[in-house]
Structures are given as C-alpha cells and as structure tokens.
Amino acid sequence: MLEVLKPNLIHKAKKADPDVVVELYERYQLRVFRYLYYQIGDQQTAEDLTSEVFIRMINALHDYNQEKFSFQAWLFRIARNLSIDHFRRTNIRMDVRLDENQIATHDDPLDLVEQGLTSEQLGRALGRLSANQRDVVIMRFVNGMSIREVAEVMNKSQDSIKGLQRRALLALREILIRWEVTNV
C-alpha cells in the first residue's frame, strides 16, 4: 500500500519540528524494525539499526525529495543500506529465527501459516533465498509495501521487482515442497 504523507508534514519535519519527527518515528518504527529483524535475525542488532535509521533520517531530511520517492521508500532505502553495511562489517549471515507474532497476518505468501509452517521453518526458508528475493518478500508481505515502493527502495524497475517476487515465491514453494516430501 503506497502511503503518501502530507507535504506540510515533511516540511515541518525538515524544520525539525519534534512533534512531527516523533509522529514519523511512531508511524514507521515497527515496519523498519520488522524489516531489519527479518534481515539480520537478531533482535538487539535490529533494534540498534532501527535507531540508526531514524538518526540518519533526521540528519538527511533536508535532502529528502518527495517528488522522487515516497517517504516510506526513502526510509526503507536507508534501512536496506544499513543492513547491507552491517553484513559487510560483520561478514556473516545469521539464520533468522522468527517469532510467531512477527509473521505477517496479511497477504501471507502461499498461506504458509495455514499450512502449518512454523516460524523457524519460515526463517530457514527465507534464509535460502537470495538477498534481493528476501528483501522483496519482507517488504511486500511483511510490511505490505507496494511494488512501486519496493522498486524505489531497491533502485530497480517495477517489472524487475515483479520478477524477483515471482522467483522468490516459486523458490519458497519449491523449498517447502522439498521439506514436506522429506518429512513425510
């Protein structure tokens, strides 16, 4: 869902209105945290990086161009770049352990929860996707972002995102089918 903020809200935020900055934080904090948590797999690190996203948001608000990106896409671009930097610094990829209450309750790909898939299995399955496929799945199905917003975040065309999403869902399906066959 493409979320459009009122231009005067961004104007006030650029003037460092503390109430507006708090409003933006409250509106987007959980979405950013979920994205980073699914990417990193560690709650403390995801919380730290979420804080860093909002610090960078405050410091870069003067450069934000509402004509170029939606605010949410701009914010997730910051979060994505931070997660990439984190992995470059640590040079590791952690398995993602998902809590049941953090699984999206809407637009769930392949109705995974209804099929009895545990959060641990979902985390392992997401870990088998490419980084770009995982990004698309998390942004689209965990945070409910539009194709356009995901394309803006990832600096790709909408058609490219659609292709990534299709390949990711097919890959998830194949992984789950293989696991089901081996567990029967």
Foldseek 3Di string as FASTA:
>chain_A
DQDADDPVLLVCLLVVPVVSLVVVCVVCLVLLLLLLLLFAQDNVVSNVLSVVLSVVCSVCSVVDDCVQAGPNLVSLLSSVVSSVVVCVVVVDGDQHQDDPVQFAPPPRQPPCVVVVHDSNNVSVLLVPADPLLSSLCSCCGRVVDDLVSSCSSVVHDSVVSVVSPVVSSVSSVVVVVVVVVVVD
